């Protein structure tokens, strides 16, 4: 039986000009399925306009960002200095239940709403899919707020919410298994919650990296081991080296591999050609089935 085609998604669009340029180059060459954009990034409006010409065969989603850069509005509890908190603090707050109640929950919900609104204002359409920078969208308190915002904004529009879990055997067959297992544990129980919310999800997930210790070609081939029914693979390509980016050295390596891998296009799922902003019918495309 032929293995399923992967949804190859480039994260962090709009984080920096070189990242966006690299992602657009891959999209134009038919070497990506999707990208996820940071709508809180200062460059998002301009980068959104630059993305539209290649969006007809590319799923474009919201990369909800709560641990990088600045929020789009005041967050005196979570970002008192005008910078979003590091992942460690967000994890502690989420796992102790503090993002589910009180002022912090209200701040969180407001920022999530602002990032959805900014995505739509920049791109001119709702996102095809939603995920989170550093997978924060699956954390307690954040997940509930994301599900409420999607339901409030989009009703029956078919939105895919990234499921960063995979089967234990598949995780262990790949590199960076420890990181993948940790995120899968944080996302435990996600499938039933998405079904109850009427949302679509990918089946199988890979792309966890050590960002430099292992050649990317070896990592990528490991991502394809034991795929699920409609697997998603995240990647982080980009041009140049932004000194403020913690994985700046790795991005050009990923870009070079994805540009050159001879059989990559044949391995990829891509959405059907569509007008810009027209929704993807993920179920008709065999996702989550």
Protein backbone atom coordinates (compact mmCIF):
# COMPACT_ATOMS: atom_id res chain seq x y z
CA UNK A 1 0.00 0.00 0.00
CA UNK A 2 1.33 3.45 -0.86
CA UNK A 3 2.19 5.63 2.08
CA UNK A 4 -0.03 8.71 2.57
CA UNK A 5 1.19 12.05 1.37
CA UNK A 6 2.35 14.35 4.13
CA UNK A 7 1.09 17.81 4.99
CA UNK A 8 4.41 19.65 5.10
CA UNK A 9 3.90 22.88 7.06
CA UNK A 10 6.51 25.63 7.40
CA UNK A 11 6.11 27.37 10.74
CA UNK A 12 6.97 30.95 11.77
CA UNK A 13 5.94 32.84 8.62
CA UNK A 14 6.33 36.62 9.24
CA UNK A 15 8.70 36.16 12.20
CA UNK A 16 11.49 37.72 10.12
CA UNK A 17 11.87 38.73 6.43
CA UNK A 18 14.33 35.93 5.64
CA UNK A 19 12.02 33.29 7.10
CA UNK A 20 9.09 34.56 5.05
CA UNK A 21 11.16 34.76 1.85
CA UNK A 22 12.37 31.18 2.23
CA UNK A 23 8.85 29.89 2.82
CA UNK A 24 7.49 31.73 -0.22
CA UNK A 25 10.27 30.30 -2.38
CA UNK A 26 9.37 26.76 -1.33
CA UNK A 27 5.67 27.42 -1.86
CA UNK A 28 6.26 28.81 -5.36
CA UNK A 29 8.26 25.68 -6.23
CA UNK A 30 5.47 23.35 -5.04
CA UNK A 31 7.58 22.11 -2.13
CA UNK A 32 5.22 22.92 0.74
CA UNK A 33 1.67 21.99 1.67
CA UNK A 34 1.09 24.75 4.21
CA UNK A 35 2.51 27.55 6.27
CA UNK A 36 1.57 28.97 9.65
CA UNK A 37 1.86 32.72 10.20
CA UNK A 38 2.61 34.82 13.28
CA UNK A 39 0.00 37.55 13.09
CA UNK A 40 1.51 39.39 16.06
CA UNK A 41 4.73 39.99 14.09
CA UNK A 42 5.30 43.64 13.08
CA UNK A 43 5.90 42.57 9.46
CA UNK A 44 2.71 40.49 9.18
CA UNK A 45 0.64 42.95 7.09
CA UNK A 46 3.36 43.28 4.44
CA UNK A 47 4.27 39.60 4.53
CA UNK A 48 0.60 38.63 4.23
CA UNK A 49 0.33 40.64 1.02
CA UNK A 50 3.47 38.97 -0.33
CA UNK A 51 2.05 35.52 0.47
CA UNK A 52 -1.21 35.90 -1.44
CA UNK A 53 0.24 35.20 -4.92
CA UNK A 54 1.32 31.68 -3.84
CA UNK A 55 -1.66 30.90 -1.61
CA UNK A 56 -3.82 29.19 -4.25
CA UNK A 57 -2.12 25.82 -3.66
CA UNK A 58 -0.97 26.43 -0.09
CA UNK A 59 -2.89 26.08 3.15
CA UNK A 60 -2.31 29.25 5.19
CA UNK A 61 -2.88 29.11 8.91
CA UNK A 62 -2.50 31.04 12.15
CA UNK A 63 0.59 30.26 14.23
CA UNK A 64 -0.84 31.45 17.55
CA UNK A 65 2.07 33.11 19.36
CA UNK A 66 2.08 33.53 23.13
CA UNK A 67 5.78 33.02 23.90
CA UNK A 68 7.58 35.19 21.34
CA UNK A 69 7.60 38.87 20.51
CA UNK A 70 5.08 41.40 21.70
CA UNK A 71 1.35 40.98 22.25
CA UNK A 72 -1.07 42.96 20.11
CA UNK A 73 -2.63 44.58 23.16
CA UNK A 74 -1.98 45.25 26.83
CA UNK A 75 -1.38 42.15 28.98
CA UNK A 76 -0.37 43.50 32.41
CA UNK A 77 -0.37 40.08 34.04
CA UNK A 78 1.26 37.94 31.35
CA UNK A 79 3.37 40.55 29.57
CA UNK A 80 3.88 43.48 31.96
CA UNK A 81 6.99 44.67 30.08
CA UNK A 82 5.31 44.46 26.69
CA UNK A 83 7.01 41.17 25.77
CA UNK A 84 5.28 37.80 25.76
CA UNK A 85 6.56 35.44 28.47
CA UNK A 86 8.95 32.53 27.85
CA UNK A 87 7.57 29.04 27.37
CA UNK A 88 8.59 27.93 30.85
CA UNK A 89 6.39 30.50 32.53
CA UNK A 90 3.45 29.77 30.25
CA UNK A 91 3.82 26.05 31.00
CA UNK A 92 3.83 26.64 34.77
CA UNK A 93 0.76 28.86 34.60
CA UNK A 94 -1.08 26.42 32.36
CA UNK A 95 -0.29 23.27 34.34
CA UNK A 96 -1.28 24.91 37.64
CA UNK A 97 -4.63 26.00 36.20
CA UNK A 98 -3.96 29.71 36.40
CA UNK A 99 -4.76 30.31 32.72
CA UNK A 100 -8.29 28.99 33.20
CA UNK A 101 -9.57 31.65 35.58
CA UNK A 102 -9.43 35.26 36.58
CA UNK A 103 -7.52 38.12 35.03
CA UNK A 104 -4.92 35.94 33.31
CA UNK A 105 -7.60 33.94 31.51
CA UNK A 106 -9.26 37.17 30.35
CA UNK A 107 -5.95 38.56 29.08
CA UNK A 108 -5.23 35.33 27.26
CA UNK A 109 -8.63 35.20 25.57
CA UNK A 110 -8.33 38.82 24.46
CA UNK A 111 -4.88 38.28 22.92
CA UNK A 112 -6.01 35.14 21.12
CA UNK A 113 -8.93 37.10 19.66
CA UNK A 114 -6.58 39.90 18.60
CA UNK A 115 -4.28 37.47 16.77
CA UNK A 116 -7.21 35.90 14.90
CA UNK A 117 -8.44 39.38 13.96
CA UNK A 118 -4.97 40.46 12.83
CA UNK A 119 -4.62 37.34 10.70
CA UNK A 120 -7.89 38.07 8.91
CA UNK A 121 -7.07 41.76 8.48
CA UNK A 122 -3.70 40.96 6.93
CA UNK A 123 -4.60 37.97 4.80
CA UNK A 124 -8.16 38.90 3.93
CA UNK A 125 -9.62 35.51 4.92
CA UNK A 126 -9.89 33.19 7.92
CA UNK A 127 -7.05 30.73 8.53
CA UNK A 128 -7.21 27.30 6.95
CA UNK A 129 -5.68 25.80 10.06
CA UNK A 130 -4.56 26.84 13.53
CA UNK A 131 -1.59 25.80 15.61
CA UNK A 132 0.64 27.32 18.26
CA UNK A 133 4.23 28.50 18.43
CA UNK A 134 5.98 25.93 20.65
CA UNK A 135 2.67 23.99 20.61
CA UNK A 136 1.07 26.26 23.23
CA UNK A 137 -2.36 25.76 21.66
CA UNK A 138 -2.73 22.39 23.42
CA UNK A 139 -2.03 23.67 26.95
CA UNK A 140 -4.78 23.81 29.61
CA UNK A 141 -6.54 27.15 29.51
CA UNK A 142 -5.13 28.05 26.11
CA UNK A 143 -6.85 25.18 24.29
CA UNK A 144 -10.24 26.09 25.73
CA UNK A 145 -9.80 29.73 24.74
CA UNK A 146 -8.74 28.75 21.20
CA UNK A 147 -11.74 26.43 20.77
CA UNK A 148 -14.12 29.14 21.99
CA UNK A 149 -12.65 31.70 19.59
CA UNK A 150 -12.83 29.35 16.61
CA UNK A 151 -16.45 28.50 17.42
CA UNK A 152 -17.34 32.18 17.85
CA UNK A 153 -15.70 33.30 14.62
CA UNK A 154 -16.14 30.50 12.16
CA UNK A 155 -19.10 28.33 13.09
CA UNK A 156 -19.22 25.51 10.57
CA UNK A 157 -16.23 26.60 8.47
CA UNK A 158 -13.88 23.61 8.20
CA UNK A 159 -10.83 24.57 10.27
CA UNK A 160 -8.01 22.14 11.04
CA UNK A 161 -6.43 22.35 14.49
CA UNK A 162 -2.95 20.84 14.60
CA UNK A 163 -2.70 17.66 16.64
CA UNK A 164 0.97 17.33 17.70
CA UNK A 165 0.57 13.75 18.94
CA UNK A 166 1.48 10.48 17.33
CA UNK A 167 1.50 6.82 18.27
CA UNK A 168 4.20 5.76 20.71
CA UNK A 169 5.80 3.36 18.22
CA UNK A 170 6.00 6.06 15.57
CA UNK A 171 7.55 8.56 17.98
CA UNK A 172 10.19 6.07 19.09
CA UNK A 173 11.10 5.28 15.48
CA UNK A 174 12.17 8.89 14.86
CA UNK A 175 14.79 11.31 16.11
CA UNK A 176 14.08 13.76 18.98
CA UNK A 177 11.66 11.22 20.43
CA UNK A 178 11.88 12.71 23.93
CA UNK A 179 10.63 16.11 22.81
CA UNK A 180 7.88 14.52 20.73
CA UNK A 181 6.74 12.35 23.64
CA UNK A 182 6.61 15.35 25.99
CA UNK A 183 4.41 17.36 23.62
CA UNK A 184 2.20 14.32 22.97
CA UNK A 185 1.71 13.97 26.72
CA UNK A 186 0.70 17.61 27.06
CA UNK A 187 -1.84 17.08 24.26
CA UNK A 188 -3.36 13.91 25.74
CA UNK A 189 -7.09 13.70 25.09
CA UNK A 190 -7.01 16.24 22.27
CA UNK A 191 -8.70 14.01 19.68
CA UNK A 192 -12.05 13.62 21.48
CA UNK A 193 -12.13 17.31 22.32
CA UNK A 194 -11.67 18.28 18.69
CA UNK A 195 -14.37 15.84 17.59
CA UNK A 196 -16.80 17.35 20.09
CA UNK A 197 -15.91 20.81 18.78
CA UNK A 198 -16.52 19.69 15.18
CA UNK A 199 -12.95 20.46 14.12
CA UNK A 200 -10.64 18.55 11.81
CA UNK A 201 -7.20 17.28 12.79
CA UNK A 202 -4.21 15.69 11.14
CA UNK A 203 -3.56 12.00 11.79
CA UNK A 204 0.10 11.63 12.70
CA UNK A 205 2.66 14.33 13.44
CA UNK A 206 6.43 14.71 13.12
CA UNK A 207 9.11 17.34 12.72
CA UNK A 208 10.63 17.58 16.19
CA UNK A 209 14.26 18.56 15.81
CA UNK A 210 17.42 19.03 17.83
CA UNK A 211 18.08 22.05 15.56
CA UNK A 212 21.66 21.36 14.70
CA UNK A 213 23.15 18.23 16.23
CA UNK A 214 21.80 15.95 13.47
CA UNK A 215 21.98 16.67 9.72
CA UNK A 216 18.54 17.75 8.57
CA UNK A 217 18.45 15.17 5.77
CA UNK A 218 18.65 12.39 8.37
CA UNK A 219 16.04 14.03 10.53
CA UNK A 220 13.64 14.51 7.66
CA UNK A 221 13.84 10.92 6.55
CA UNK A 222 13.09 9.84 10.13
CA UNK A 223 9.98 12.06 10.12
CA UNK A 224 8.53 9.83 7.40
CA UNK A 225 8.84 6.61 9.36
CA UNK A 226 5.53 5.00 10.37
CA UNK A 227 3.28 7.86 9.22
CA UNK A 228 -0.33 8.14 10.32
CA UNK A 229 -3.38 8.30 8.07
CA UNK A 230 -2.84 11.95 7.09
CA UNK A 231 0.45 12.95 8.71
CA UNK A 232 1.64 16.49 9.22
CA UNK A 233 5.34 17.34 9.32
CA UNK A 234 6.42 20.74 10.60
CA UNK A 235 9.56 22.43 9.32
CA UNK A 236 11.38 25.71 9.97
CA UNK A 237 13.09 26.90 6.76
CA UNK A 238 14.37 30.40 6.12
CA UNK A 239 16.93 32.54 4.35
CA UNK A 240 19.68 34.46 6.13
CA UNK A 241 20.52 34.36 9.81
CA UNK A 242 18.56 36.64 12.16
CA UNK A 243 20.73 37.15 15.30
CA UNK A 244 17.58 37.30 17.43
CA UNK A 245 16.39 33.88 16.23
CA UNK A 246 17.46 30.95 18.45
CA UNK A 247 17.40 28.52 15.51
CA UNK A 248 18.87 30.90 12.94
CA UNK A 249 21.73 28.59 12.00
CA UNK A 250 19.38 25.73 11.22
CA UNK A 251 16.88 27.47 8.95
CA UNK A 252 19.08 27.75 5.82
CA UNK A 253 19.97 24.06 6.16
CA UNK A 254 16.30 23.10 6.16
CA UNK A 255 15.61 25.42 3.24
CA UNK A 256 18.47 23.97 1.18
CA UNK A 257 17.34 20.40 1.79
CA UNK A 258 13.69 21.10 1.00
CA UNK A 259 14.65 22.97 -2.17
CA UNK A 260 16.83 20.12 -3.44
CA UNK A 261 15.24 16.84 -2.29
CA UNK A 262 14.38 15.23 -5.66
CA UNK A 263 11.32 13.24 -4.60
CA UNK A 264 9.81 15.73 -2.17
CA UNK A 265 6.97 17.07 -4.37
CA UNK A 266 5.67 13.55 -4.98
CA UNK A 267 5.47 12.94 -1.23
CA UNK A 268 3.39 16.04 -0.47
CA UNK A 269 -0.32 16.60 -0.09
CA UNK A 270 -1.33 20.00 -1.42
CA UNK A 271 -4.76 21.63 -1.38
CA UNK A 272 -6.60 21.87 -4.69
CA UNK A 273 -6.16 25.03 -6.70
CA UNK A 274 -8.61 27.56 -5.31
CA UNK A 275 -9.28 31.29 -5.25
CA UNK A 276 -7.41 33.14 -2.49
CA UNK A 277 -9.42 32.94 0.72
CA UNK A 278 -11.68 30.09 -0.39
CA UNK A 279 -11.87 27.48 2.40
CA UNK A 280 -10.23 24.08 2.19
CA UNK A 281 -12.66 21.23 2.71
CA UNK A 282 -10.30 19.17 4.81
CA UNK A 283 -12.72 16.24 5.10
CA UNK A 284 -13.24 16.05 1.36
CA UNK A 285 -9.45 16.00 1.03
CA UNK A 286 -9.27 12.88 3.19
CA UNK A 287 -7.89 14.54 6.32
CA UNK A 288 -9.16 13.22 9.67
CA UNK A 289 -10.82 10.34 7.91
